[in-house]
Amino acid sequence: MQPADSIFHSLLNEEVYKTGQIKSFPADTVILNMHAYVKSIPIVLSGSIKVIKTDEDGQEILLYYIKPGESCIMSFLAGLHNDTSKIKAVVEEDAEVLLIPVSKAGEWIREFPEWTDFIFNLYQKRFEELLEVVNAVAFQKMDARLLQLLRQKAELFGSKTLSITHQQLADEMGTAREAVSRVLKQMEKSGLITLSRNKISLL
């Protein structure tokens, strides 16, 4: 059973699959870029997508992950108002995505209460996640932020051994690779992780 089946009423569910287009994307595919117009709203059926904010200098920070059964509220809002995207969406692990035309996504708010509930619940969830990002950047030390990110990824991939580079972690945290490498070595000495080439294992 696909995730959307358990979220929507059967009538809306039928409309979703009749109107939407299912596509598969390999990891690292950019499915939405900064400043691009949003033409469709993604609902993740399998895999995951990470949502990133990029500044003018190209520095990035991870905002949240879109998991199966979820969508991107930021792309929804941009599409609804015919505005350009303020985020970049990149496939984290191979994903199957149901793409809903923006026009239909707007119509369904008036036609299907369960779609409206889905959007508002998603909005609340993303707002809370963004508050966590702000709190982490403003108040948490680097080691706590990094450990939290590693645990997020371990839960996402279902494995405590992660194939990831120090540079990738630095990019997602919006900091320098040298700082990440230094903190990772400290975490290894503390017995929290083990390090090997392009791999990090949580203990």
N, C-alpha and C. Protein backbone atom coordinates (compact mmCIF):
# COMPACT_ATOMS: atom_id res chain seq x y z
N MET A 1 0.85 -1.20 0.00
CA MET A 1 0.00 0.00 0.00
C MET A 1 0.88 1.24 0.00
N GLN A 2 0.60 2.19 -0.87
CA GLN A 2 1.41 3.39 -0.94
C GLN A 2 0.98 4.37 0.14
N PRO A 3 1.91 5.23 0.61
CA PRO A 3 1.62 6.09 1.75
C PRO A 3 0.38 6.94 1.60
N ALA A 4 0.11 7.48 0.41
CA ALA A 4 -1.04 8.36 0.25
C ALA A 4 -2.35 7.62 0.51
N ASP A 5 -2.37 6.30 0.30
CA ASP A 5 -3.59 5.53 0.51
C ASP A 5 -4.10 5.64 1.94
N SER A 6 -3.19 5.72 2.89
CA SER A 6 -3.58 5.75 4.29
C SER A 6 -3.83 7.17 4.79
N ILE A 7 -3.55 8.18 3.95
CA ILE A 7 -3.69 9.57 4.37
C ILE A 7 -5.03 10.16 3.94
N PHE A 8 -5.43 9.87 2.72
CA PHE A 8 -6.59 10.53 2.16
C PHE A 8 -7.82 9.63 2.10
N HIS A 9 -8.97 10.27 2.10
CA HIS A 9 -10.23 9.59 1.87
C HIS A 9 -10.21 8.96 0.47
N SER A 10 -10.95 7.88 0.27
CA SER A 10 -10.89 7.14 -0.99
C SER A 10 -11.20 8.01 -2.20
N LEU A 11 -12.16 8.96 -2.07
CA LEU A 11 -12.52 9.81 -3.20
C LEU A 11 -11.35 10.71 -3.58
N LEU A 12 -10.74 11.35 -2.59
CA LEU A 12 -9.57 12.19 -2.86
C LEU A 12 -8.41 11.34 -3.34
N ASN A 13 -8.25 10.18 -2.74
CA ASN A 13 -7.14 9.31 -3.12
C ASN A 13 -7.23 8.94 -4.60
N GLU A 14 -8.44 8.66 -5.06
CA GLU A 14 -8.65 8.35 -6.48
C GLU A 14 -8.29 9.54 -7.34
N GLU A 15 -8.68 10.73 -6.89
CA GLU A 15 -8.38 11.96 -7.63
C GLU A 15 -6.87 12.23 -7.67
N VAL A 16 -6.20 11.97 -6.55
CA VAL A 16 -4.75 12.18 -6.45
C VAL A 16 -4.01 11.35 -7.49
N TYR A 17 -4.33 10.06 -7.55
CA TYR A 17 -3.60 9.18 -8.47
C TYR A 17 -4.03 9.37 -9.93
N LYS A 18 -5.28 9.85 -10.12
CA LYS A 18 -5.74 10.11 -11.49
C LYS A 18 -5.07 11.36 -12.05
N THR A 19 -4.86 12.35 -11.18
CA THR A 19 -4.31 13.63 -11.61
C THR A 19 -2.80 13.67 -11.57
N GLY A 20 -2.23 13.02 -10.57
CA GLY A 20 -0.77 13.09 -10.36
C GLY A 20 0.01 12.19 -11.29
N GLN A 21 1.31 12.42 -11.30
CA GLN A 21 2.24 11.62 -12.11
C GLN A 21 3.32 11.07 -11.19
N ILE A 22 3.50 9.75 -11.24
CA ILE A 22 4.51 9.12 -10.39
C ILE A 22 5.84 9.06 -11.15
N LYS A 23 6.89 9.57 -10.50
CA LYS A 23 8.23 9.55 -11.11
C LYS A 23 9.24 9.03 -10.10
N SER A 24 10.30 8.40 -10.62
CA SER A 24 11.39 7.91 -9.78
C SER A 24 12.61 8.80 -9.98
N PHE A 25 13.28 9.13 -8.88
CA PHE A 25 14.46 9.99 -8.93
C PHE A 25 15.60 9.34 -8.17
N PRO A 26 16.80 9.26 -8.76
CA PRO A 26 17.95 8.73 -8.03
C PRO A 26 18.46 9.73 -7.00
N ALA A 27 19.22 9.24 -6.03
CA ALA A 27 19.81 10.12 -5.01
C ALA A 27 20.61 11.25 -5.65
N ASP A 28 20.60 12.41 -5.01
CA ASP A 28 21.33 13.61 -5.41
C ASP A 28 20.66 14.38 -6.56
N THR A 29 19.48 13.93 -7.01
CA THR A 29 18.76 14.68 -8.04
C THR A 29 18.13 15.92 -7.42
N VAL A 30 18.35 17.07 -8.05
CA VAL A 30 17.71 18.31 -7.60
C VAL A 30 16.34 18.37 -8.28
N ILE A 31 15.27 18.26 -7.50
CA ILE A 31 13.94 18.29 -8.11
C ILE A 31 13.30 19.67 -8.03
N LEU A 32 13.89 20.56 -7.24
CA LEU A 32 13.42 21.95 -7.21
C LEU A 32 14.58 22.84 -6.81
N ASN A 33 14.80 23.88 -7.60
CA ASN A 33 15.91 24.79 -7.34
C ASN A 33 15.42 26.11 -6.75
N MET A 34 16.32 26.83 -6.12
CA MET A 34 16.03 28.17 -5.63
C MET A 34 15.61 29.04 -6.81
N HIS A 35 14.61 29.89 -6.58
CA HIS A 35 14.14 30.90 -7.55
C HIS A 35 13.42 30.31 -8.76
N ALA A 36 13.16 29.00 -8.74
CA ALA A 36 12.41 28.38 -9.84
C ALA A 36 10.91 28.46 -9.53
N TYR A 37 10.10 28.55 -10.57
CA TYR A 37 8.65 28.52 -10.36
C TYR A 37 8.21 27.09 -10.09
N VAL A 38 7.28 26.94 -9.17
CA VAL A 38 6.82 25.62 -8.77
C VAL A 38 5.64 25.21 -9.67
N LYS A 39 5.81 24.11 -10.36
CA LYS A 39 4.76 23.62 -11.27
C LYS A 39 3.98 22.45 -10.69
N SER A 40 4.59 21.75 -9.75
CA SER A 40 3.90 20.60 -9.16
C SER A 40 4.32 20.42 -7.70
N ILE A 41 3.43 19.82 -6.94
CA ILE A 41 3.67 19.57 -5.52
C ILE A 41 4.05 18.10 -5.34
N PRO A 42 5.19 17.84 -4.70
CA PRO A 42 5.62 16.44 -4.54
C PRO A 42 5.05 15.78 -3.29
N ILE A 43 4.57 14.56 -3.45
CA ILE A 43 4.24 13.72 -2.31
C ILE A 43 5.17 12.51 -2.39
N VAL A 44 6.01 12.34 -1.38
CA VAL A 44 6.99 11.26 -1.40
C VAL A 44 6.30 9.93 -1.10
N LEU A 45 6.48 8.96 -1.99
CA LEU A 45 5.92 7.63 -1.79
C LEU A 45 6.95 6.68 -1.18
N SER A 46 8.22 6.84 -1.57
CA SER A 46 9.30 6.05 -0.98
C SER A 46 10.58 6.86 -1.09
N GLY A 47 11.58 6.49 -0.26
CA GLY A 47 12.82 7.26 -0.25
C GLY A 47 12.66 8.52 0.58
N SER A 48 13.48 9.52 0.31
CA SER A 48 13.39 10.78 1.07
C SER A 48 14.01 11.92 0.26
N ILE A 49 13.61 13.14 0.63
CA ILE A 49 14.09 14.35 -0.01
C ILE A 49 14.52 15.31 1.09
N LYS A 50 15.66 15.97 0.89
CA LYS A 50 16.07 16.98 1.87
C LYS A 50 15.80 18.37 1.30
N VAL A 51 15.36 19.25 2.17
CA VAL A 51 15.03 20.62 1.80
C VAL A 51 16.10 21.54 2.38
N ILE A 52 16.71 22.33 1.50
CA ILE A 52 17.88 23.13 1.85
C ILE A 52 17.63 24.61 1.55
N LYS A 53 18.16 25.47 2.38
CA LYS A 53 18.15 26.91 2.12
C LYS A 53 19.56 27.33 1.72
N THR A 54 19.67 28.06 0.63
CA THR A 54 20.98 28.50 0.12
C THR A 54 21.04 30.03 0.12
N ASP A 55 22.16 30.60 0.60
CA ASP A 55 22.29 32.06 0.58
C ASP A 55 22.98 32.51 -0.70
N GLU A 56 23.20 33.81 -0.82
CA GLU A 56 23.78 34.37 -2.05
C GLU A 56 25.20 33.90 -2.30
N ASP A 57 25.89 33.51 -1.26
CA ASP A 57 27.27 33.03 -1.41
C ASP A 57 27.35 31.53 -1.69
N GLY A 58 26.19 30.89 -1.78
CA GLY A 58 26.16 29.46 -2.06
C GLY A 58 26.24 28.60 -0.81
N GLN A 59 26.27 29.23 0.35
CA GLN A 59 26.31 28.46 1.61
C GLN A 59 24.93 27.87 1.89
N GLU A 60 24.90 26.62 2.34
CA GLU A 60 23.64 25.92 2.52
C GLU A 60 23.41 25.52 3.97
N ILE A 61 22.14 25.31 4.29
CA ILE A 61 21.81 24.73 5.59
C ILE A 61 20.57 23.85 5.41
N LEU A 62 20.60 22.69 6.04
CA LEU A 62 19.49 21.75 5.96
C LEU A 62 18.33 22.24 6.81
N LEU A 63 17.13 22.27 6.22
CA LEU A 63 15.94 22.69 6.95
C LEU A 63 15.16 21.50 7.50
N TYR A 64 14.86 20.53 6.63
CA TYR A 64 14.12 19.35 7.06
C TYR A 64 14.15 18.29 5.97
N TYR A 65 13.67 17.09 6.32
CA TYR A 65 13.54 15.99 5.36
C TYR A 65 12.07 15.76 5.04
N ILE A 66 11.80 15.38 3.80
CA ILE A 66 10.46 14.95 3.41
C ILE A 66 10.48 13.44 3.31
N LYS A 67 9.68 12.79 4.13
CA LYS A 67 9.66 11.33 4.21
C LYS A 67 8.41 10.78 3.52
N PRO A 68 8.32 9.45 3.33
CA PRO A 68 7.14 8.87 2.69
C PRO A 68 5.83 9.31 3.35
N GLY A 69 4.87 9.69 2.49
CA GLY A 69 3.58 10.16 2.99
C GLY A 69 3.56 11.64 3.27
N GLU A 70 4.69 12.34 3.03
CA GLU A 70 4.77 13.77 3.31
C GLU A 70 5.00 14.56 2.02
N SER A 71 4.82 15.88 2.14
CA SER A 71 5.05 16.78 1.01
C SER A 71 5.85 17.98 1.49
N CYS A 72 6.11 18.89 0.56
CA CYS A 72 6.90 20.10 0.89
C CYS A 72 5.98 21.30 0.98
N ILE A 73 5.75 21.78 2.19
CA ILE A 73 4.82 22.90 2.38
C ILE A 73 5.35 24.17 1.72
N MET A 74 6.66 24.33 1.64
CA MET A 74 7.22 25.54 1.04
C MET A 74 6.96 25.59 -0.47
N SER A 75 7.07 24.44 -1.12
CA SER A 75 6.78 24.41 -2.55
C SER A 75 5.28 24.61 -2.78
N PHE A 76 4.46 24.08 -1.86
CA PHE A 76 3.01 24.25 -1.96
C PHE A 76 2.63 25.73 -1.88
N LEU A 77 3.19 26.43 -0.89
CA LEU A 77 2.86 27.85 -0.71
C LEU A 77 3.35 28.69 -1.89
N ALA A 78 4.56 28.39 -2.37
CA ALA A 78 5.10 29.13 -3.51
C ALA A 78 4.24 28.90 -4.75
N GLY A 79 3.86 27.65 -4.99
CA GLY A 79 3.04 27.33 -6.14
C GLY A 79 1.67 27.95 -6.07
N LEU A 80 1.08 27.95 -4.88
CA LEU A 80 -0.26 28.48 -4.68
C LEU A 80 -0.30 29.98 -4.97
N HIS A 81 0.80 30.69 -4.67
CA HIS A 81 0.86 32.13 -4.88
C HIS A 81 1.62 32.51 -6.15
N ASN A 82 1.89 31.51 -6.99
CA ASN A 82 2.62 31.74 -8.24
C ASN A 82 3.93 32.49 -7.98
N ASP A 83 4.60 32.08 -6.91
CA ASP A 83 5.85 32.71 -6.50
C ASP A 83 7.01 31.74 -6.80
N THR A 84 8.23 32.25 -6.76
CA THR A 84 9.39 31.39 -6.98
C THR A 84 9.78 30.67 -5.69
N SER A 85 10.46 29.57 -5.84
CA SER A 85 10.87 28.77 -4.69
C SER A 85 11.94 29.47 -3.86
N LYS A 86 11.82 29.37 -2.54
CA LYS A 86 12.81 29.94 -1.62
C LYS A 86 13.74 28.85 -1.08
N ILE A 87 13.54 27.63 -1.56
CA ILE A 87 14.34 26.50 -1.07
C ILE A 87 14.84 25.65 -2.25
N LYS A 88 15.75 24.73 -1.93
CA LYS A 88 16.19 23.74 -2.91
C LYS A 88 15.83 22.37 -2.36
N ALA A 89 15.25 21.52 -3.20
CA ALA A 89 14.87 20.17 -2.78
C ALA A 89 15.74 19.16 -3.52
N VAL A 90 16.45 18.32 -2.75
CA VAL A 90 17.38 17.35 -3.32
C VAL A 90 17.04 15.96 -2.79
N VAL A 91 17.04 14.97 -3.70
CA VAL A 91 16.74 13.60 -3.29
C VAL A 91 17.88 13.08 -2.41
N GLU A 92 17.55 12.65 -1.20
CA GLU A 92 18.54 12.14 -0.25
C GLU A 92 18.83 10.67 -0.52
N GLU A 93 17.77 9.88 -0.68
CA GLU A 93 17.89 8.48 -1.08
C GLU A 93 16.88 8.22 -2.18
N ASP A 94 17.22 7.31 -3.10
CA ASP A 94 16.36 7.05 -4.27
C ASP A 94 14.89 7.15 -3.88
N ALA A 95 14.14 7.96 -4.64
CA ALA A 95 12.77 8.26 -4.23
C ALA A 95 11.78 8.05 -5.37
N GLU A 96 10.59 7.61 -4.98
CA GLU A 96 9.44 7.57 -5.88
C GLU A 96 8.51 8.68 -5.40
N VAL A 97 8.16 9.58 -6.31
CA VAL A 97 7.43 10.79 -5.93
C VAL A 97 6.17 10.94 -6.78
N LEU A 98 5.08 11.28 -6.13
CA LEU A 98 3.83 11.58 -6.82
C LEU A 98 3.77 13.09 -6.99
N LEU A 99 3.75 13.56 -8.24
CA LEU A 99 3.75 14.99 -8.54
C LEU A 99 2.34 15.45 -8.87
N ILE A 100 1.85 16.40 -8.07
CA ILE A 100 0.50 16.93 -8.21
C ILE A 100 0.56 18.33 -8.84
N PRO A 101 -0.15 18.58 -9.95
CA PRO A 101 -0.16 19.93 -10.53
C PRO A 101 -0.60 20.97 -9.50
N VAL A 102 0.06 22.11 -9.50
CA VAL A 102 -0.23 23.16 -8.52
C VAL A 102 -1.70 23.58 -8.58
N SER A 103 -2.25 23.70 -9.79
CA SER A 103 -3.64 24.14 -9.94
C SER A 103 -4.59 23.20 -9.21
N LYS A 104 -4.35 21.90 -9.33
CA LYS A 104 -5.20 20.92 -8.66
C LYS A 104 -5.04 20.99 -7.14
N ALA A 105 -3.81 21.14 -6.69
CA ALA A 105 -3.54 21.20 -5.25
C ALA A 105 -4.30 22.37 -4.62
N GLY A 106 -4.43 23.47 -5.36
CA GLY A 106 -5.19 24.62 -4.87
C GLY A 106 -6.69 24.35 -4.86
N GLU A 107 -7.19 23.71 -5.91
CA GLU A 107 -8.61 23.39 -6.01
C GLU A 107 -9.05 22.45 -4.88
N TRP A 108 -8.20 21.50 -4.54
CA TRP A 108 -8.56 20.49 -3.55
C TRP A 108 -8.78 21.07 -2.17
N ILE A 109 -8.17 22.23 -1.89
CA ILE A 109 -8.38 22.88 -0.59
C ILE A 109 -9.85 23.21 -0.41
N ARG A 110 -10.53 23.60 -1.51
CA ARG A 110 -11.95 23.94 -1.45
C ARG A 110 -12.84 22.70 -1.52
N GLU A 111 -12.34 21.65 -2.17
CA GLU A 111 -13.18 20.48 -2.43
C GLU A 111 -13.06 19.37 -1.39
N PHE A 112 -11.88 19.20 -0.81
CA PHE A 112 -11.63 18.05 0.06
C PHE A 112 -11.09 18.49 1.43
N PRO A 113 -11.91 18.39 2.48
CA PRO A 113 -11.45 18.77 3.82
C PRO A 113 -10.22 17.98 4.26
N GLU A 114 -10.12 16.70 3.84
CA GLU A 114 -8.98 15.90 4.27
C GLU A 114 -7.67 16.39 3.66
N TRP A 115 -7.76 16.97 2.47
CA TRP A 115 -6.56 17.57 1.85
C TRP A 115 -6.14 18.81 2.63
N THR A 116 -7.13 19.62 3.03
CA THR A 116 -6.85 20.81 3.84
C THR A 116 -6.21 20.41 5.17
N ASP A 117 -6.73 19.35 5.81
CA ASP A 117 -6.15 18.86 7.06
C ASP A 117 -4.70 18.42 6.84
N PHE A 118 -4.48 17.71 5.74
CA PHE A 118 -3.12 17.24 5.41
C PHE A 118 -2.16 18.41 5.29
N ILE A 119 -2.57 19.46 4.58
CA ILE A 119 -1.72 20.63 4.37
C ILE A 119 -1.44 21.36 5.68
N PHE A 120 -2.49 21.56 6.51
CA PHE A 120 -2.30 22.28 7.77
C PHE A 120 -1.45 21.48 8.76
N ASN A 121 -1.65 20.17 8.81
CA ASN A 121 -0.81 19.33 9.68
C ASN A 121 0.64 19.38 9.23
N LEU A 122 0.83 19.37 7.92
CA LEU A 122 2.17 19.45 7.36
C LEU A 122 2.81 20.79 7.70
N TYR A 123 2.02 21.85 7.58
CA TYR A 123 2.51 23.20 7.90
C TYR A 123 2.98 23.27 9.35
N GLN A 124 2.18 22.70 10.26
CA GLN A 124 2.56 22.71 11.68
C GLN A 124 3.84 21.93 11.92
N LYS A 125 3.94 20.76 11.29
CA LYS A 125 5.13 19.92 11.45
C LYS A 125 6.37 20.63 10.95
N ARG A 126 6.29 21.25 9.77
CA ARG A 126 7.45 21.94 9.20
C ARG A 126 7.82 23.17 10.03
N PHE A 127 6.81 23.88 10.55
CA PHE A 127 7.08 25.05 11.38
C PHE A 127 7.85 24.64 12.62
N GLU A 128 7.46 23.54 13.24
CA GLU A 128 8.16 23.05 14.43
C GLU A 128 9.58 22.64 14.09
N GLU A 129 9.77 22.01 12.93
CA GLU A 129 11.11 21.60 12.52
C GLU A 129 12.00 22.81 12.24
N LEU A 130 11.42 23.85 11.65
CA LEU A 130 12.20 25.06 11.39
C LEU A 130 12.59 25.76 12.69
N LEU A 131 11.70 25.72 13.68
CA LEU A 131 12.03 26.28 14.99
C LEU A 131 13.20 25.52 15.62
N GLU A 132 13.23 24.20 15.41
CA GLU A 132 14.33 23.39 15.92
C GLU A 132 15.65 23.78 15.26
N VAL A 133 15.60 24.06 13.94
CA VAL A 133 16.80 24.49 13.22
C VAL A 133 17.30 25.81 13.77
N VAL A 134 16.37 26.76 13.96
CA VAL A 134 16.75 28.08 14.50
C VAL A 134 17.34 27.92 15.89
N ASN A 135 16.72 27.09 16.72
CA ASN A 135 17.22 26.86 18.08
C ASN A 135 18.61 26.24 18.07
N ALA A 136 18.80 25.27 17.17
CA ALA A 136 20.10 24.59 17.09
C ALA A 136 21.20 25.55 16.67
N VAL A 137 20.92 26.35 15.64
CA VAL A 137 21.92 27.30 15.13
C VAL A 137 22.23 28.38 16.18
N ALA A 138 21.19 28.83 16.87
CA ALA A 138 21.36 29.95 17.80
C ALA A 138 21.94 29.51 19.15
N PHE A 139 21.58 28.32 19.63
CA PHE A 139 21.90 27.98 21.00
C PHE A 139 22.74 26.72 21.20
N GLN A 140 22.71 25.79 20.26
CA GLN A 140 23.43 24.54 20.46
C GLN A 140 24.88 24.64 20.00
N LYS A 141 25.74 23.91 20.69
CA LYS A 141 27.13 23.84 20.26
C LYS A 141 27.24 22.93 19.05
N MET A 142 28.36 23.07 18.35
CA MET A 142 28.58 22.32 17.12
C MET A 142 28.44 20.81 17.33
N ASP A 143 28.99 20.28 18.42
CA ASP A 143 28.96 18.83 18.62
C ASP A 143 27.53 18.32 18.80
N ALA A 144 26.68 19.08 19.50
CA ALA A 144 25.28 18.68 19.70
C ALA A 144 24.52 18.72 18.39
N ARG A 145 24.75 19.75 17.58
CA ARG A 145 24.08 19.87 16.28
C ARG A 145 24.49 18.72 15.36
N LEU A 146 25.78 18.42 15.37
CA LEU A 146 26.30 17.38 14.49
C LEU A 146 25.77 16.00 14.89
N LEU A 147 25.74 15.73 16.18
CA LEU A 147 25.23 14.46 16.66
C LEU A 147 23.75 14.31 16.33
N GLN A 148 23.01 15.39 16.48
CA GLN A 148 21.58 15.37 16.15
C GLN A 148 21.38 15.07 14.66
N LEU A 149 22.19 15.68 13.81
CA LEU A 149 22.09 15.45 12.36
C LEU A 149 22.41 14.01 12.01
N LEU A 150 23.44 13.45 12.63
CA LEU A 150 23.82 12.06 12.38
C LEU A 150 22.71 11.10 12.81
N ARG A 151 22.09 11.39 13.93
CA ARG A 151 21.00 10.55 14.41
C ARG A 151 19.78 10.64 13.49
N GLN A 152 19.53 11.85 12.97
CA GLN A 152 18.45 12.03 12.00
C GLN A 152 18.68 11.15 10.78
N LYS A 153 19.90 11.18 10.28
CA LYS A 153 20.23 10.42 9.08
C LYS A 153 20.18 8.91 9.35
N ALA A 154 20.62 8.51 10.52
CA ALA A 154 20.59 7.09 10.88
C ALA A 154 19.15 6.59 10.92
N GLU A 155 18.25 7.40 11.45
CA GLU A 155 16.83 7.03 11.51
C GLU A 155 16.24 7.00 10.09
N LEU A 156 16.63 7.96 9.28
CA LEU A 156 16.12 8.07 7.91
C LEU A 156 16.51 6.85 7.08
N PHE A 157 17.77 6.44 7.18
CA PHE A 157 18.29 5.34 6.37
C PHE A 157 18.12 3.98 7.05
N GLY A 158 17.73 3.98 8.32
CA GLY A 158 17.56 2.72 9.03
C GLY A 158 18.87 2.01 9.27
N SER A 159 19.94 2.78 9.43
CA SER A 159 21.27 2.19 9.66
C SER A 159 22.12 3.15 10.48
N LYS A 160 22.91 2.60 11.40
CA LYS A 160 23.80 3.44 12.20
C LYS A 160 25.13 3.70 11.50
N THR A 161 25.34 3.04 10.37
CA THR A 161 26.54 3.31 9.57
C THR A 161 26.14 4.14 8.36
N LEU A 162 26.69 5.33 8.27
CA LEU A 162 26.32 6.29 7.24
C LEU A 162 27.45 6.48 6.23
N SER A 163 27.12 6.41 4.97
CA SER A 163 28.09 6.70 3.90
C SER A 163 27.97 8.18 3.57
N ILE A 164 28.83 8.97 4.17
CA ILE A 164 28.75 10.42 4.00
C ILE A 164 30.12 11.05 4.25
N THR A 165 30.40 12.12 3.54
CA THR A 165 31.69 12.79 3.71
C THR A 165 31.57 13.93 4.71
N HIS A 166 32.70 14.36 5.21
CA HIS A 166 32.73 15.49 6.13
C HIS A 166 32.24 16.75 5.43
N GLN A 167 32.54 16.87 4.14
CA GLN A 167 32.12 18.04 3.37
C GLN A 167 30.60 18.08 3.23
N GLN A 168 29.97 16.93 3.02
CA GLN A 168 28.51 16.88 2.92
C GLN A 168 27.85 17.33 4.22
N LEU A 169 28.39 16.87 5.33
CA LEU A 169 27.86 17.29 6.63
C LEU A 169 28.05 18.79 6.84
N ALA A 170 29.21 19.28 6.46
CA ALA A 170 29.49 20.70 6.60
C ALA A 170 28.51 21.54 5.76
N ASP A 171 28.25 21.07 4.54
CA ASP A 171 27.32 21.79 3.67
C ASP A 171 25.93 21.86 4.28
N GLU A 172 25.47 20.75 4.83
CA GLU A 172 24.12 20.71 5.40
C GLU A 172 24.02 21.54 6.68
N MET A 173 25.14 21.70 7.37
CA MET A 173 25.13 22.48 8.62
C MET A 173 25.48 23.94 8.39
N GLY A 174 25.90 24.26 7.16
CA GLY A 174 26.26 25.64 6.85
C GLY A 174 27.53 26.08 7.56
N THR A 175 28.52 25.18 7.62
CA THR A 175 29.77 25.51 8.30
C THR A 175 30.95 24.96 7.50
N ALA A 176 32.16 25.13 8.02
CA ALA A 176 33.36 24.71 7.31
C ALA A 176 33.66 23.23 7.54
N ARG A 177 34.22 22.58 6.51
CA ARG A 177 34.55 21.16 6.62
C ARG A 177 35.55 20.92 7.74
N GLU A 178 36.52 21.82 7.89
CA GLU A 178 37.55 21.65 8.92
C GLU A 178 36.94 21.60 10.32
N ALA A 179 35.90 22.43 10.53
CA ALA A 179 35.24 22.46 11.83
C ALA A 179 34.50 21.14 12.09
N VAL A 180 33.85 20.62 11.05
CA VAL A 180 33.14 19.35 11.18
C VAL A 180 34.12 18.21 11.46
N SER A 181 35.23 18.18 10.72
CA SER A 181 36.23 17.12 10.90
C SER A 181 36.79 17.15 12.31
N ARG A 182 37.04 18.33 12.83
CA ARG A 182 37.59 18.47 14.17
C ARG A 182 36.61 17.94 15.22
N VAL A 183 35.33 18.29 15.07
CA VAL A 183 34.32 17.85 16.03
C VAL A 183 34.10 16.34 15.93
N LEU A 184 34.13 15.80 14.70
CA LEU A 184 33.96 14.36 14.52
C LEU A 184 35.08 13.58 15.21
N LYS A 185 36.30 14.08 15.13
CA LYS A 185 37.42 13.41 15.79
C LYS A 185 37.25 13.44 17.32
N GLN A 186 36.73 14.55 17.83
CA GLN A 186 36.47 14.66 19.27
C GLN A 186 35.37 13.67 19.69
N MET A 187 34.35 13.54 18.82
CA MET A 187 33.26 12.61 19.10
C MET A 187 33.74 11.16 19.07
N GLU A 188 34.70 10.88 18.19
CA GLU A 188 35.26 9.53 18.12
C GLU A 188 36.05 9.22 19.39
N LYS A 189 36.83 10.19 19.88
CA LYS A 189 37.60 10.01 21.11
C LYS A 189 36.67 9.80 22.30
N SER A 190 35.48 10.41 22.23
CA SER A 190 34.51 10.28 23.33
C SER A 190 33.71 8.99 23.25
N GLY A 191 33.93 8.20 22.18
CA GLY A 191 33.24 6.92 22.04
C GLY A 191 31.82 7.02 21.51
N LEU A 192 31.49 8.15 20.87
CA LEU A 192 30.15 8.32 20.33
C LEU A 192 30.03 7.75 18.92
N ILE A 193 31.13 7.79 18.16
CA ILE A 193 31.13 7.34 16.77
C ILE A 193 32.46 6.66 16.46
N THR A 194 32.50 5.97 15.31
CA THR A 194 33.77 5.53 14.74
C THR A 194 33.84 6.08 13.32
N LEU A 195 35.04 6.43 12.89
CA LEU A 195 35.25 7.03 11.59
C LEU A 195 36.05 6.12 10.69
N SER A 196 35.65 6.05 9.42
CA SER A 196 36.43 5.37 8.39
C SER A 196 36.24 6.17 7.11
N ARG A 197 36.87 5.76 6.04
CA ARG A 197 36.84 6.55 4.81
C ARG A 197 35.39 6.74 4.30
N ASN A 198 34.94 7.98 4.31
CA ASN A 198 33.60 8.35 3.82
C ASN A 198 32.48 7.60 4.55
N LYS A 199 32.76 7.12 5.75
CA LYS A 199 31.74 6.44 6.55
C LYS A 199 31.84 6.87 8.01
N ILE A 200 30.67 6.96 8.63
CA ILE A 200 30.59 7.29 10.05
C ILE A 200 29.61 6.32 10.69
N SER A 201 30.03 5.68 11.78
CA SER A 201 29.17 4.74 12.49
C SER A 201 28.83 5.26 13.88
N LEU A 202 27.55 5.32 14.17
CA LEU A 202 27.10 5.72 15.50
C LEU A 202 27.20 4.54 16.44
N LEU A 203 27.70 4.78 17.65
CA LEU A 203 27.84 3.72 18.64
C LEU A 203 26.74 3.80 19.69
